Amino acid sequence: MNVHVETRDSATIIQPQGDVDLASSPEFRARLQEAQEQAQARLVIDLSSVQYMDSSGVATLVECLQRSRTDGIPLFLCQLHERVLSVFQIARLDGVFDIVATVDDALTA
């Protein structure tokens, strides 16, 4: 799994590429932790390149959310494909995470 990380307007933007499942979650988790250690003002996870996410991927994002709350850094998810969004809706996590349409929306929220 490739994970692109960039900084824009004091925000750390993370873009995983590929499915987030049991096989790829450990690497995704490690990259998220690295990015969180560097994050300053906000953390944006752009899921536009993720077509599929299973419960291990969701658990990884829940851990990330917990750390960001502890650190006082807002976390936003954006550009979720319908299939990925439905996983969050079924688990009723769409009300727990700040989910916005685009990266720009996350940067201005």
N, C-alpha and C. Protein backbone atom coordinates (compact mmCIF):
# COMPACT_ATOMS: atom_id res chain seq x y z
N MET A 1 0.84 -1.18 0.00
CA MET A 1 0.00 0.00 0.00
C MET A 1 0.88 1.24 0.00
N ASN A 2 0.57 2.16 -0.88
CA ASN A 2 1.24 3.45 -0.90
C ASN A 2 0.43 4.45 -0.08
N VAL A 3 1.13 5.28 0.67
CA VAL A 3 0.48 6.33 1.45
C VAL A 3 1.25 7.62 1.19
N HIS A 4 0.58 8.56 0.55
CA HIS A 4 1.18 9.86 0.24
C HIS A 4 0.86 10.81 1.39
N VAL A 5 1.89 11.52 1.87
CA VAL A 5 1.72 12.49 2.94
C VAL A 5 2.27 13.82 2.48
N GLU A 6 1.49 14.88 2.67
CA GLU A 6 1.96 16.23 2.33
C GLU A 6 1.45 17.21 3.37
N THR A 7 2.09 18.37 3.42
CA THR A 7 1.66 19.43 4.31
C THR A 7 1.19 20.59 3.45
N ARG A 8 -0.01 21.11 3.79
CA ARG A 8 -0.56 22.25 3.07
C ARG A 8 -1.32 23.11 4.07
N ASP A 9 -0.99 24.39 4.10
CA ASP A 9 -1.67 25.33 5.00
C ASP A 9 -1.67 24.82 6.45
N SER A 10 -0.53 24.36 6.93
CA SER A 10 -0.36 23.83 8.29
C SER A 10 -1.17 22.56 8.56
N ALA A 11 -1.72 21.96 7.54
CA ALA A 11 -2.46 20.71 7.69
C ALA A 11 -1.64 19.57 7.11
N THR A 12 -1.70 18.43 7.77
CA THR A 12 -1.07 17.23 7.26
C THR A 12 -2.15 16.45 6.52
N ILE A 13 -1.90 16.20 5.24
CA ILE A 13 -2.86 15.49 4.39
C ILE A 13 -2.28 14.12 4.07
N ILE A 14 -3.06 13.11 4.38
CA ILE A 14 -2.65 11.72 4.17
C ILE A 14 -3.57 11.11 3.14
N GLN A 15 -2.96 10.53 2.11
CA GLN A 15 -3.77 9.90 1.06
C GLN A 15 -3.30 8.46 0.84
N PRO A 16 -4.01 7.50 1.45
CA PRO A 16 -3.69 6.09 1.16
C PRO A 16 -4.17 5.73 -0.23
N GLN A 17 -3.46 4.82 -0.86
CA GLN A 17 -3.83 4.40 -2.21
C GLN A 17 -3.96 2.89 -2.23
N GLY A 18 -5.16 2.44 -2.52
CA GLY A 18 -5.43 1.00 -2.54
C GLY A 18 -6.40 0.62 -1.45
N ASP A 19 -6.73 -0.66 -1.41
CA ASP A 19 -7.66 -1.16 -0.42
C ASP A 19 -7.02 -1.12 0.97
N VAL A 20 -7.85 -0.81 1.97
CA VAL A 20 -7.39 -0.85 3.35
C VAL A 20 -8.08 -2.04 3.99
N ASP A 21 -7.31 -3.11 4.15
CA ASP A 21 -7.84 -4.35 4.68
C ASP A 21 -6.86 -4.95 5.67
N LEU A 22 -7.12 -6.18 6.08
CA LEU A 22 -6.29 -6.83 7.09
C LEU A 22 -4.82 -6.87 6.69
N ALA A 23 -4.55 -7.06 5.43
CA ALA A 23 -3.17 -7.14 4.95
C ALA A 23 -2.47 -5.79 4.94
N SER A 24 -3.19 -4.72 4.62
CA SER A 24 -2.55 -3.40 4.48
C SER A 24 -2.70 -2.50 5.70
N SER A 25 -3.58 -2.85 6.63
CA SER A 25 -3.82 -1.98 7.79
C SER A 25 -2.58 -1.72 8.65
N PRO A 26 -1.72 -2.72 8.90
CA PRO A 26 -0.55 -2.43 9.74
C PRO A 26 0.35 -1.33 9.14
N GLU A 27 0.56 -1.38 7.84
CA GLU A 27 1.37 -0.34 7.20
C GLU A 27 0.65 1.00 7.24
N PHE A 28 -0.65 1.00 7.00
CA PHE A 28 -1.44 2.22 7.06
C PHE A 28 -1.38 2.81 8.46
N ARG A 29 -1.51 1.97 9.48
CA ARG A 29 -1.44 2.41 10.87
C ARG A 29 -0.09 3.07 11.16
N ALA A 30 0.99 2.43 10.71
CA ALA A 30 2.33 2.98 10.95
C ALA A 30 2.50 4.34 10.28
N ARG A 31 2.02 4.46 9.05
CA ARG A 31 2.14 5.75 8.34
C ARG A 31 1.29 6.83 8.99
N LEU A 32 0.11 6.45 9.49
CA LEU A 32 -0.74 7.42 10.19
C LEU A 32 -0.05 7.91 11.46
N GLN A 33 0.56 6.99 12.19
CA GLN A 33 1.25 7.38 13.43
C GLN A 33 2.40 8.33 13.13
N GLU A 34 3.18 8.04 12.09
CA GLU A 34 4.27 8.94 11.70
C GLU A 34 3.74 10.32 11.36
N ALA A 35 2.66 10.36 10.60
CA ALA A 35 2.08 11.63 10.19
C ALA A 35 1.53 12.39 11.39
N GLN A 36 0.92 11.68 12.32
CA GLN A 36 0.37 12.35 13.50
C GLN A 36 1.46 12.96 14.36
N GLU A 37 2.61 12.33 14.41
CA GLU A 37 3.72 12.88 15.19
C GLU A 37 4.20 14.20 14.60
N GLN A 38 4.03 14.38 13.30
CA GLN A 38 4.47 15.59 12.60
C GLN A 38 3.37 16.64 12.49
N ALA A 39 2.12 16.23 12.70
CA ALA A 39 0.97 17.12 12.47
C ALA A 39 1.01 18.33 13.40
N GLN A 40 0.59 19.48 12.84
CA GLN A 40 0.59 20.71 13.61
C GLN A 40 -0.82 21.21 13.90
N ALA A 41 -1.57 21.53 12.87
CA ALA A 41 -2.86 22.20 13.08
C ALA A 41 -4.05 21.28 12.84
N ARG A 42 -3.99 20.45 11.82
CA ARG A 42 -5.09 19.54 11.54
C ARG A 42 -4.59 18.38 10.70
N LEU A 43 -5.37 17.31 10.76
CA LEU A 43 -5.03 16.09 10.03
C LEU A 43 -6.19 15.79 9.09
N VAL A 44 -5.87 15.61 7.80
CA VAL A 44 -6.88 15.34 6.79
C VAL A 44 -6.52 14.00 6.13
N ILE A 45 -7.47 13.08 6.14
CA ILE A 45 -7.26 11.79 5.49
C ILE A 45 -8.14 11.76 4.25
N ASP A 46 -7.48 11.81 3.11
CA ASP A 46 -8.14 11.83 1.80
C ASP A 46 -8.27 10.39 1.33
N LEU A 47 -9.50 9.89 1.32
CA LEU A 47 -9.74 8.49 0.97
C LEU A 47 -10.20 8.32 -0.48
N SER A 48 -9.89 9.30 -1.33
CA SER A 48 -10.35 9.24 -2.72
C SER A 48 -9.77 8.06 -3.50
N SER A 49 -8.63 7.54 -3.07
CA SER A 49 -8.00 6.41 -3.77
C SER A 49 -8.22 5.08 -3.06
N VAL A 50 -9.18 5.06 -2.15
CA VAL A 50 -9.52 3.82 -1.43
C VAL A 50 -10.91 3.38 -1.88
N GLN A 51 -10.95 2.26 -2.58
CA GLN A 51 -12.22 1.73 -3.08
C GLN A 51 -12.88 0.78 -2.08
N TYR A 52 -12.08 0.20 -1.18
CA TYR A 52 -12.59 -0.79 -0.24
C TYR A 52 -11.89 -0.64 1.09
N MET A 53 -12.65 -0.75 2.18
CA MET A 53 -12.09 -0.72 3.52
C MET A 53 -12.86 -1.72 4.37
N ASP A 54 -12.13 -2.58 5.08
CA ASP A 54 -12.81 -3.53 5.96
C ASP A 54 -12.72 -3.03 7.41
N SER A 55 -13.15 -3.85 8.34
CA SER A 55 -13.21 -3.43 9.74
C SER A 55 -11.84 -3.12 10.32
N SER A 56 -10.78 -3.76 9.83
CA SER A 56 -9.44 -3.45 10.34
C SER A 56 -9.02 -2.04 9.92
N GLY A 57 -9.43 -1.62 8.74
CA GLY A 57 -9.15 -0.25 8.31
C GLY A 57 -9.92 0.76 9.12
N VAL A 58 -11.18 0.44 9.41
CA VAL A 58 -12.00 1.32 10.23
C VAL A 58 -11.40 1.42 11.63
N ALA A 59 -10.97 0.29 12.19
CA ALA A 59 -10.35 0.29 13.51
C ALA A 59 -9.08 1.15 13.53
N THR A 60 -8.32 1.09 12.46
CA THR A 60 -7.12 1.91 12.35
C THR A 60 -7.48 3.39 12.39
N LEU A 61 -8.55 3.77 11.70
CA LEU A 61 -8.97 5.17 11.70
C LEU A 61 -9.54 5.58 13.05
N VAL A 62 -10.21 4.68 13.74
CA VAL A 62 -10.72 4.99 15.08
C VAL A 62 -9.54 5.25 16.03
N GLU A 63 -8.49 4.44 15.96
CA GLU A 63 -7.29 4.67 16.77
C GLU A 63 -6.69 6.03 16.46
N CYS A 64 -6.64 6.37 15.19
CA CYS A 64 -6.11 7.66 14.75
C CYS A 64 -6.95 8.80 15.32
N LEU A 65 -8.26 8.65 15.30
CA LEU A 65 -9.15 9.66 15.84
C LEU A 65 -8.92 9.83 17.34
N GLN A 66 -8.77 8.74 18.06
CA GLN A 66 -8.53 8.82 19.49
C GLN A 66 -7.23 9.57 19.80
N ARG A 67 -6.17 9.26 19.04
CA ARG A 67 -4.89 9.96 19.24
C ARG A 67 -5.01 11.44 18.91
N SER A 68 -5.71 11.74 17.84
CA SER A 68 -5.83 13.15 17.45
C SER A 68 -6.62 13.93 18.50
N ARG A 69 -7.64 13.33 19.07
CA ARG A 69 -8.39 14.00 20.14
C ARG A 69 -7.52 14.22 21.36
N THR A 70 -6.72 13.22 21.71
CA THR A 70 -5.80 13.35 22.84
C THR A 70 -4.80 14.48 22.60
N ASP A 71 -4.32 14.58 21.36
CA ASP A 71 -3.34 15.61 21.00
C ASP A 71 -3.98 16.96 20.72
N GLY A 72 -5.30 17.01 20.65
CA GLY A 72 -6.00 18.27 20.36
C GLY A 72 -5.87 18.72 18.92
N ILE A 73 -5.70 17.76 18.02
CA ILE A 73 -5.58 18.07 16.59
C ILE A 73 -6.83 17.57 15.86
N PRO A 74 -7.58 18.47 15.22
CA PRO A 74 -8.78 18.04 14.50
C PRO A 74 -8.44 17.06 13.38
N LEU A 75 -9.31 16.07 13.21
CA LEU A 75 -9.14 15.05 12.17
C LEU A 75 -10.36 15.08 11.26
N PHE A 76 -10.10 15.11 9.96
CA PHE A 76 -11.17 15.11 8.96
C PHE A 76 -10.94 13.97 7.98
N LEU A 77 -12.02 13.30 7.60
CA LEU A 77 -12.00 12.33 6.51
C LEU A 77 -12.68 12.99 5.32
N CYS A 78 -12.16 12.76 4.13
CA CYS A 78 -12.80 13.35 2.96
C CYS A 78 -12.72 12.42 1.76
N GLN A 79 -13.59 12.72 0.80
CA GLN A 79 -13.64 12.04 -0.49
C GLN A 79 -13.82 10.53 -0.35
N LEU A 80 -14.75 10.13 0.51
CA LEU A 80 -15.04 8.72 0.70
C LEU A 80 -15.90 8.21 -0.45
N HIS A 81 -15.48 7.11 -1.05
CA HIS A 81 -16.32 6.46 -2.05
C HIS A 81 -17.56 5.92 -1.36
N GLU A 82 -18.61 5.77 -2.11
CA GLU A 82 -19.90 5.34 -1.55
C GLU A 82 -19.77 4.05 -0.76
N ARG A 83 -19.00 3.12 -1.28
CA ARG A 83 -18.83 1.82 -0.61
C ARG A 83 -18.13 1.98 0.74
N VAL A 84 -17.12 2.85 0.80
CA VAL A 84 -16.39 3.09 2.05
C VAL A 84 -17.28 3.86 3.02
N LEU A 85 -17.99 4.86 2.53
CA LEU A 85 -18.90 5.63 3.37
C LEU A 85 -19.96 4.73 4.00
N SER A 86 -20.45 3.76 3.25
CA SER A 86 -21.48 2.87 3.78
C SER A 86 -20.96 2.06 4.97
N VAL A 87 -19.67 1.71 4.97
CA VAL A 87 -19.09 1.00 6.12
C VAL A 87 -19.18 1.88 7.37
N PHE A 88 -18.87 3.16 7.21
CA PHE A 88 -18.95 4.09 8.34
C PHE A 88 -20.39 4.30 8.78
N GLN A 89 -21.31 4.33 7.83
CA GLN A 89 -22.73 4.51 8.17
C GLN A 89 -23.29 3.29 8.89
N ILE A 90 -22.95 2.10 8.43
CA ILE A 90 -23.42 0.87 9.07
C ILE A 90 -22.92 0.78 10.51
N ALA A 91 -21.66 1.18 10.71
CA ALA A 91 -21.07 1.15 12.06
C ALA A 91 -21.46 2.38 12.88
N ARG A 92 -22.24 3.27 12.28
CA ARG A 92 -22.68 4.52 12.92
C ARG A 92 -21.51 5.40 13.32
N LEU A 93 -20.46 5.33 12.54
CA LEU A 93 -19.29 6.17 12.79
C LEU A 93 -19.31 7.44 11.96
N ASP A 94 -20.29 7.56 11.06
CA ASP A 94 -20.39 8.78 10.26
C ASP A 94 -20.75 9.97 11.13
N GLY A 95 -21.28 9.73 12.32
CA GLY A 95 -21.57 10.82 13.26
C GLY A 95 -20.44 11.06 14.24
N VAL A 96 -19.45 10.17 14.26
CA VAL A 96 -18.31 10.30 15.17
C VAL A 96 -17.16 11.04 14.49
N PHE A 97 -16.93 10.70 13.22
CA PHE A 97 -15.87 11.35 12.45
C PHE A 97 -16.40 12.62 11.79
N ASP A 98 -15.52 13.58 11.59
CA ASP A 98 -15.85 14.75 10.76
C ASP A 98 -15.58 14.35 9.32
N ILE A 99 -16.64 14.12 8.56
CA ILE A 99 -16.53 13.69 7.18
C ILE A 99 -16.99 14.84 6.30
N VAL A 100 -16.11 15.26 5.40
CA VAL A 100 -16.41 16.37 4.49
C VAL A 100 -16.18 15.89 3.05
N ALA A 101 -16.64 16.69 2.12
CA ALA A 101 -16.61 16.28 0.70
C ALA A 101 -15.19 16.29 0.12
N THR A 102 -14.43 17.36 0.35
CA THR A 102 -13.14 17.52 -0.33
C THR A 102 -12.04 17.91 0.65
N VAL A 103 -10.83 17.84 0.17
CA VAL A 103 -9.68 18.30 0.96
C VAL A 103 -9.82 19.77 1.26
N ASP A 104 -10.22 20.56 0.28
CA ASP A 104 -10.40 22.00 0.52
C ASP A 104 -11.43 22.27 1.61
N ASP A 105 -12.51 21.48 1.63
CA ASP A 105 -13.51 21.62 2.69
C ASP A 105 -12.89 21.32 4.06
N ALA A 106 -12.03 20.33 4.11
CA ALA A 106 -11.37 19.96 5.37
C ALA A 106 -10.41 21.06 5.81
N LEU A 107 -9.77 21.70 4.86
CA LEU A 107 -8.81 22.76 5.20
C LEU A 107 -9.50 24.02 5.72
N THR A 108 -10.75 24.24 5.32
CA THR A 108 -11.46 25.45 5.74
C THR A 108 -12.49 25.19 6.83
N ALA A 109 -12.69 23.94 7.21
CA ALA A 109 -13.71 23.61 8.23
C ALA A 109 -13.29 24.11 9.60
